[in-house]
Amino acid sequence: MAATRGRRGERSSEDYWPGFVDAMSALLLVFIFLLSIFMIAQFFLSQQLSGRDTVLNRLNQQIAELTELLALEKASVGDLEATISSLQFGLDAVTDERDQLQALLSASSGQIDKAGGQLATLQDELAQEQQISSRALAQVELLNQQLSALRRQIASLEAALEASEDRDRESQTKIADLGKRLNVALAQRVQELSRYRSDFFGRLREILAQRSDIEVVGDRFVFQSEVLFSTGDDQVNPQGRAQLNILADAIKELQGQIPEEIDWVLRVDGHTDARPLSGTGRLRNNWELSAARAISVVSYLIDQGVPPKRLVAAGFGEYQPLAQGENDEAYAKNRRIELKLTQR
């Protein structure tokens, strides 16, 4: 009987062990199955996030390129800036959603040890992520449409810019041609004026050849102030009026010879010596004296029939001397009226 009980106990022990192994295997398979489902879900989430990052990076590059292009046409495409701002707003929204997904993924990674109890929660979160992904894809599609519209607008602007550049090049060519012709015409006018200036000065030399107090300095006739004015006075004296009558006749004779298209003037420059005025009279300084004398000469020539538009008066004071030094000879040489035939 003892032997019989021993065999019965051994058989009973052998019957429990296979069942225990089967239960543990089944439990392990369930756990592995749940863990596999969780890992698959994690894989799909990672793929979706990676794809979304790629799309966002591509969008960022495209927006950077568009921004550089739009900077060249900023004055003409102000309305595109509002569209760019709208695109940036949509991109920020997509970026926020991506951050939310990353936060959910971080929270999910900490729950691997609790996979069995939280599988239903993961499935709900996966469904929410799919909804968010659908909205993100819709926004990406909208952004692509807006980018296409922007590209068409930029292409139109580039075509308009190219046409404008063509017109500008054509205008520049015309301007260069006109400039060349203008330079040639100006050179001809300068040559003509030089010839008439030579004739004018030659005529004055003949008329005033006997006067030692009138000389030619470069391209100017120089009258010593004593020929035209009394000491300290700015009104032409009788002797000066006689000389200016001769000058007026020569100017009127020259005027009939110079073509109207040559815009010439006779410039009358007043100069004084370096000695200051007393400052108590009507003229306070050498500036006023030199300018007043030049104006008196111009006024007298106008009275004699010289057209006012052909005359210019200028005062230089004592600041353009012909002779250096502080002596009577230098002072006398620097007190003068200069006449120069030039273009306006």
Protein backbone atom coordinates (compact mmCIF):
# COMPACT_ATOMS: atom_id res chain seq x y z
CA MET A 1 0.00 0.00 0.00
CA ALA A 2 2.89 2.34 0.71
CA ALA A 3 4.19 1.67 -2.73
CA THR A 4 0.79 2.40 -4.16
CA ARG A 5 0.55 5.76 -2.39
CA GLY A 6 4.04 6.68 -3.58
CA ARG A 7 3.13 6.08 -7.22
CA ARG A 8 -0.10 8.03 -6.80
CA GLY A 9 1.78 11.04 -5.33
CA GLU A 10 4.31 11.00 -8.19
CA ARG A 11 1.51 10.89 -10.79
CA SER A 12 -0.25 13.80 -9.08
CA SER A 13 2.93 15.90 -9.16
CA GLU A 14 3.48 15.15 -12.82
CA ASP A 15 -0.09 16.23 -13.62
CA TYR A 16 0.34 19.75 -12.10
CA TRP A 17 3.61 20.70 -13.75
CA PRO A 18 2.56 20.63 -17.43
CA GLY A 19 -0.46 22.73 -16.66
CA PHE A 20 1.68 25.26 -14.82
CA VAL A 21 4.10 25.43 -17.75
CA ASP A 22 1.24 25.88 -20.20
CA ALA A 23 -0.23 28.69 -18.11
CA MET A 24 3.11 30.46 -17.86
CA SER A 25 3.68 30.05 -21.61
CA ALA A 26 0.27 31.44 -22.39
CA LEU A 27 0.87 34.38 -20.05
CA LEU A 28 4.28 35.01 -21.59
CA LEU A 29 2.78 34.91 -25.10
CA VAL A 30 0.10 37.39 -24.07
CA PHE A 31 2.71 39.69 -22.60
CA ILE A 32 4.90 39.38 -25.71
CA PHE A 33 1.82 40.00 -27.90
CA LEU A 34 0.94 43.13 -25.93
CA LEU A 35 4.55 44.32 -25.99
CA SER A 36 4.70 43.74 -29.78
CA ILE A 37 1.54 45.76 -30.30
CA PHE A 38 3.02 48.56 -28.19
CA MET A 39 6.31 48.48 -30.11
CA ILE A 40 4.44 48.55 -33.44
CA ALA A 41 2.43 51.52 -32.23
CA GLN A 42 5.67 53.22 -31.16
CA PHE A 43 7.19 52.49 -34.58
CA PHE A 44 4.27 54.02 -36.45
CA LEU A 45 4.30 57.08 -34.19
CA SER A 46 8.03 57.52 -34.78
CA GLN A 47 7.55 57.18 -38.55
CA GLN A 48 4.77 59.75 -38.54
CA LEU A 49 6.86 62.20 -36.47
CA SER A 50 9.92 61.65 -38.67
CA GLY A 51 7.87 62.24 -41.81
CA ARG A 52 6.37 65.35 -40.31
CA ASP A 53 9.84 66.70 -39.36
CA THR A 54 10.97 66.14 -42.96
CA VAL A 55 7.94 68.01 -44.28
CA LEU A 56 8.52 70.83 -41.83
CA ASN A 57 12.23 71.08 -42.74
CA ARG A 58 11.33 71.15 -46.42
CA LEU A 59 8.75 73.85 -45.76
CA ASN A 60 11.29 75.86 -43.77
CA GLN A 61 13.78 75.67 -46.65
CA GLN A 62 11.12 76.65 -49.19
CA ILE A 63 10.01 79.60 -47.06
CA ALA A 64 13.64 80.75 -46.68
CA GLU A 65 14.10 80.64 -50.47
CA LEU A 66 10.86 82.53 -51.00
CA THR A 67 11.90 85.15 -48.43
CA GLU A 68 15.17 85.78 -50.32
CA LEU A 69 13.30 86.13 -53.61
CA LEU A 70 10.65 88.38 -52.14
CA ALA A 71 13.35 90.66 -50.66
CA LEU A 72 14.39 91.59 -54.22
CA GLU A 73 10.84 92.69 -55.05
CA LYS A 74 9.92 94.15 -51.68
CA ALA A 75 8.75 97.47 -53.14
CA SER A 76 6.35 95.75 -55.59
CA VAL A 77 5.06 92.76 -53.60
CA GLY A 78 4.06 94.20 -50.25
CA ASP A 79 0.89 92.16 -50.36
CA LEU A 80 2.98 88.94 -50.47
CA GLU A 81 4.37 89.70 -47.03
CA ALA A 82 0.94 89.17 -45.53
CA THR A 83 0.76 85.78 -47.26
CA ILE A 84 4.20 84.84 -45.89
CA SER A 85 3.04 85.81 -42.40
CA SER A 86 -0.01 83.56 -42.84
CA LEU A 87 2.23 80.70 -43.95
CA GLN A 88 4.49 81.26 -40.97
CA PHE A 89 1.47 81.19 -38.68
CA GLY A 90 0.37 77.85 -40.18
CA LEU A 91 3.91 76.52 -39.82
CA ASP A 92 3.98 77.54 -36.17
CA ALA A 93 0.69 75.68 -35.66
CA VAL A 94 2.16 72.55 -37.25
CA THR A 95 5.29 72.96 -35.10
CA ASP A 96 3.12 73.21 -31.97
CA GLU A 97 1.33 70.01 -32.93
CA ARG A 98 4.65 68.29 -33.50
CA ASP A 99 5.78 69.38 -30.03
CA GLN A 100 2.57 67.96 -28.61
CA LEU A 101 3.22 64.65 -30.38
CA GLN A 102 6.75 64.56 -29.06
CA ALA A 103 5.46 65.19 -25.54
CA LEU A 104 2.97 62.33 -25.91
CA LEU A 105 5.72 60.06 -27.24
CA SER A 106 7.95 60.94 -24.25
CA ALA A 107 5.10 60.17 -21.88
CA SER A 108 4.44 56.88 -23.69
CA SER A 109 8.11 55.78 -23.48
CA GLY A 110 7.96 55.93 -19.69
CA GLN A 111 5.06 53.48 -19.61
CA ILE A 112 6.71 50.47 -21.24
CA ASP A 113 6.71 48.58 -17.92
CA LYS A 114 2.94 49.09 -17.66
CA ALA A 115 2.15 48.06 -21.22
CA GLY A 116 -0.39 45.40 -20.36
CA GLY A 117 -2.63 47.66 -18.28
CA GLN A 118 -2.37 50.71 -20.57
CA LEU A 119 -2.86 49.15 -24.01
CA ALA A 120 -6.39 50.56 -24.31
CA THR A 121 -5.09 54.03 -23.39
CA LEU A 122 -2.39 53.77 -26.06
CA GLN A 123 -4.98 52.83 -28.63
CA ASP A 124 -7.02 55.93 -27.75
CA GLU A 125 -3.93 58.12 -27.95
CA LEU A 126 -3.05 56.54 -31.30
CA ALA A 127 -6.49 57.42 -32.63
CA GLN A 128 -6.04 61.03 -31.42
CA GLU A 129 -2.60 61.17 -33.05
CA GLN A 130 -4.12 59.98 -36.32
CA GLN A 131 -6.69 62.79 -36.14
CA ILE A 132 -3.96 65.33 -35.43
CA SER A 133 -1.90 63.89 -38.29
CA SER A 134 -4.89 64.28 -40.62
CA ARG A 135 -5.24 67.95 -39.66
CA ALA A 136 -1.50 68.47 -40.10
CA LEU A 137 -1.60 66.89 -43.56
CA ALA A 138 -4.53 69.13 -44.48
CA GLN A 139 -2.55 72.19 -43.35
CA VAL A 140 0.51 70.98 -45.27
CA GLU A 141 -1.65 70.63 -48.38
CA LEU A 142 -2.97 74.15 -47.86
CA LEU A 143 0.59 75.43 -47.41
CA ASN A 144 1.64 73.69 -50.63
CA GLN A 145 -1.22 75.36 -52.49
CA GLN A 146 -0.25 78.76 -51.09
CA LEU A 147 3.40 78.16 -51.98
CA SER A 148 2.36 77.27 -55.54
CA ALA A 149 0.38 80.50 -55.77
CA LEU A 150 3.40 82.41 -54.46
CA ARG A 151 5.65 80.77 -57.03
CA ARG A 152 3.26 81.82 -59.80
CA GLN A 153 3.20 85.38 -58.47
CA ILE A 154 6.99 85.45 -58.23
CA ALA A 155 7.29 84.10 -61.78
CA SER A 156 4.99 86.87 -62.96
CA LEU A 157 7.03 89.45 -61.06
CA GLU A 158 10.27 88.09 -62.49
CA ALA A 159 8.82 88.33 -65.99
CA ALA A 160 7.75 91.93 -65.32
CA LEU A 161 11.18 92.70 -63.86
CA GLU A 162 12.94 91.19 -66.86
CA ALA A 163 10.77 93.26 -69.20
CA SER A 164 11.55 96.35 -67.12
CA GLU A 165 15.28 95.57 -67.27
CA ASP A 166 15.05 95.20 -71.04
CA ARG A 167 13.36 98.58 -71.29
CA ASP A 168 15.98 100.04 -68.94
CA ARG A 169 18.82 98.68 -71.05
CA GLU A 170 17.19 100.11 -74.15
CA SER A 171 16.77 103.46 -72.38
CA GLN A 172 20.39 103.38 -71.21
CA THR A 173 21.50 102.76 -74.79
CA LYS A 174 19.42 105.70 -75.99
CA ILE A 175 20.73 107.88 -73.15
CA ALA A 176 24.32 106.94 -73.97
CA ASP A 177 23.71 107.80 -77.62
CA LEU A 178 22.08 111.10 -76.65
CA GLY A 179 24.97 111.80 -74.28
CA LYS A 180 27.48 111.27 -77.05
CA ARG A 181 25.55 113.54 -79.38
CA LEU A 182 25.14 116.11 -76.61
CA ASN A 183 28.87 116.04 -75.89
CA VAL A 184 29.60 116.55 -79.56
CA ALA A 185 27.11 119.44 -79.70
CA LEU A 186 28.57 120.98 -76.53
CA ALA A 187 32.06 120.65 -77.92
CA GLN A 188 30.92 122.40 -81.09
CA ARG A 189 29.25 125.16 -79.02
CA VAL A 190 32.40 125.58 -76.94
CA GLN A 191 34.48 125.84 -80.09
CA GLU A 192 32.07 128.37 -81.56
CA LEU A 193 32.02 130.39 -78.33
CA SER A 194 35.82 130.27 -78.23
CA ARG A 195 35.93 131.63 -81.75
CA TYR A 196 33.50 134.43 -80.92
CA ARG A 197 35.40 135.13 -77.72
CA SER A 198 38.55 135.49 -79.77
CA ASP A 199 36.75 137.83 -82.17
CA PHE A 200 35.33 139.83 -79.26
CA PHE A 201 38.69 140.16 -77.54
CA GLY A 202 40.39 140.96 -80.83
CA ARG A 203 37.87 143.74 -81.41
CA LEU A 204 38.39 145.12 -77.90
CA ARG A 205 42.15 144.99 -78.36
CA GLU A 206 41.81 147.11 -81.49
CA ILE A 207 39.54 149.61 -79.76
CA LEU A 208 41.52 149.82 -76.50
CA ALA A 209 45.01 149.32 -77.90
CA GLN A 210 46.20 152.79 -76.76
CA ARG A 211 45.15 152.34 -73.10
CA SER A 212 47.94 151.25 -70.75
CA ASP A 213 45.52 150.95 -67.81
CA ILE A 214 43.49 148.20 -69.57
CA GLU A 215 45.16 144.84 -70.08
CA VAL A 216 44.37 141.23 -71.00
CA VAL A 217 44.96 138.59 -68.34
CA GLY A 218 44.30 135.08 -69.68
CA ASP A 219 40.76 135.07 -71.08
CA ARG A 220 39.71 138.32 -69.30
CA PHE A 221 39.90 142.04 -69.98
CA VAL A 222 41.01 143.91 -66.88
CA PHE A 223 40.05 147.57 -66.21
CA GLN A 224 41.82 149.24 -63.33
CA SER A 225 39.20 150.68 -60.98
CA GLU A 226 40.58 154.22 -61.45
CA VAL A 227 39.50 154.06 -65.12
CA LEU A 228 35.84 153.62 -64.14
CA PHE A 229 35.43 154.85 -60.53
CA SER A 230 36.60 157.56 -58.22
CA THR A 231 38.35 156.50 -55.01
CA GLY A 232 35.94 154.74 -52.61
CA ASP A 233 32.96 155.31 -54.94
CA ASP A 234 30.77 152.71 -56.63
CA GLN A 235 29.23 154.92 -59.34
CA VAL A 236 30.79 154.99 -62.83
CA ASN A 237 32.53 158.34 -63.45
CA PRO A 238 32.37 160.26 -66.78
CA GLN A 239 35.70 158.84 -67.99
CA GLY A 240 34.48 155.32 -67.20
CA ARG A 241 31.19 155.88 -69.02
CA ALA A 242 33.13 156.74 -72.18
CA GLN A 243 35.04 153.46 -71.94
CA LEU A 244 31.86 151.49 -71.22
CA ASN A 245 30.19 153.07 -74.26
CA ILE A 246 32.92 151.55 -76.42
CA LEU A 247 32.48 148.21 -74.62
CA ALA A 248 28.67 148.31 -75.08
CA ASP A 249 29.05 148.92 -78.83
CA ALA A 250 31.44 145.95 -79.12
CA ILE A 251 29.02 143.69 -77.18
CA LYS A 252 26.05 144.67 -79.35
CA GLU A 253 28.11 144.06 -82.48
CA LEU A 254 29.14 140.64 -81.17
CA GLN A 255 25.57 139.80 -80.21
CA GLY A 256 24.48 140.01 -83.83
CA GLN A 257 27.15 137.51 -84.84
CA ILE A 258 26.67 134.81 -82.18
CA PRO A 259 23.84 132.32 -82.96
CA GLU A 260 20.89 132.36 -80.56
CA GLU A 261 21.41 128.75 -79.52
CA ILE A 262 24.74 129.64 -77.88
CA ASP A 263 23.86 130.65 -74.32
CA TRP A 264 26.66 133.18 -73.69
CA VAL A 265 27.04 135.82 -71.00
CA LEU A 266 29.54 138.59 -70.23
CA ARG A 267 30.58 138.24 -66.59
CA VAL A 268 31.60 141.43 -64.79
CA ASP A 269 33.76 140.74 -61.72
CA GLY A 270 34.51 143.42 -59.11
CA HIS A 271 37.75 143.24 -57.05
CA THR A 272 39.25 145.50 -54.35
CA ASP A 273 42.59 145.77 -52.61
CA ALA A 274 43.18 144.36 -49.13
CA ARG A 275 42.75 147.62 -47.22
CA PRO A 276 39.45 147.63 -45.27
CA LEU A 277 36.85 150.38 -45.53
CA SER A 278 36.11 152.61 -42.58
CA GLY A 279 32.75 150.93 -42.05
CA THR A 280 31.01 154.25 -41.39
CA GLY A 281 29.78 154.91 -44.93
CA ARG A 282 27.05 153.40 -47.04
CA LEU A 283 29.34 150.50 -48.04
CA ARG A 284 30.56 148.66 -44.97
CA ASN A 285 33.27 146.38 -46.40
CA ASN A 286 35.16 145.34 -49.54
CA TRP A 287 32.58 142.67 -50.38
CA GLU A 288 29.89 145.30 -50.74
CA LEU A 289 32.20 147.69 -52.62
CA SER A 290 33.31 145.07 -55.19
CA ALA A 291 29.75 143.83 -55.75
CA ALA A 292 28.37 147.40 -56.01
CA ARG A 293 30.96 148.36 -58.64
CA ALA A 294 30.23 145.23 -60.70
CA ILE A 295 26.50 145.99 -60.52
CA SER A 296 27.12 149.62 -61.58
CA VAL A 297 29.00 148.47 -64.68
CA VAL A 298 26.23 145.98 -65.55
CA SER A 299 23.52 148.60 -65.01
CA TYR A 300 25.30 151.10 -67.25
CA LEU A 301 25.75 148.52 -70.02
CA ILE A 302 22.01 147.70 -69.79
CA ASP A 303 21.25 151.41 -70.16
CA GLN A 304 23.32 151.38 -73.34
CA GLY A 305 21.21 148.62 -74.88
CA VAL A 306 23.03 145.41 -73.83
CA PRO A 307 20.40 142.69 -73.03
CA PRO A 308 20.27 142.02 -69.27
CA LYS A 309 20.17 138.24 -69.83
CA ARG A 310 23.68 138.48 -71.35
CA LEU A 311 25.23 140.10 -68.25
CA VAL A 312 26.31 138.75 -64.85
CA ALA A 313 27.68 140.78 -61.90
CA ALA A 314 29.90 139.24 -59.20
CA GLY A 315 31.84 140.69 -56.26
CA PHE A 316 35.05 139.04 -54.98
CA GLY A 317 36.25 141.61 -52.43
CA GLU A 318 39.99 141.46 -51.82
CA TYR A 319 40.19 137.63 -51.98
CA GLN A 320 41.36 137.17 -55.62
CA PRO A 321 44.44 139.45 -55.87
CA LEU A 322 46.59 139.67 -59.01
CA ALA A 323 49.61 140.99 -57.11
CA GLN A 324 50.91 140.04 -53.66
CA GLY A 325 52.23 142.59 -51.24
CA GLU A 326 51.16 145.58 -49.17
CA ASN A 327 52.28 148.53 -51.27
CA ASP A 328 50.60 151.09 -53.51
CA GLU A 329 51.58 149.29 -56.71
CA ALA A 330 50.03 145.98 -55.57
CA TYR A 331 46.94 147.76 -54.22
CA ALA A 332 46.42 149.58 -57.53
CA LYS A 333 46.82 146.38 -59.55
CA ASN A 334 44.30 144.49 -57.39
CA ARG A 335 41.60 147.23 -57.60
CA ARG A 336 40.00 146.23 -60.89
CA ILE A 337 36.96 145.24 -62.95
CA GLU A 338 37.34 142.07 -65.02
CA LEU A 339 35.26 141.15 -68.09
CA LYS A 340 34.96 137.52 -69.20
CA LEU A 341 32.89 136.14 -72.09
CA THR A 342 31.64 132.69 -71.05
CA GLN A 343 28.69 130.31 -71.13
CA ARG A 344 25.93 130.49 -68.52
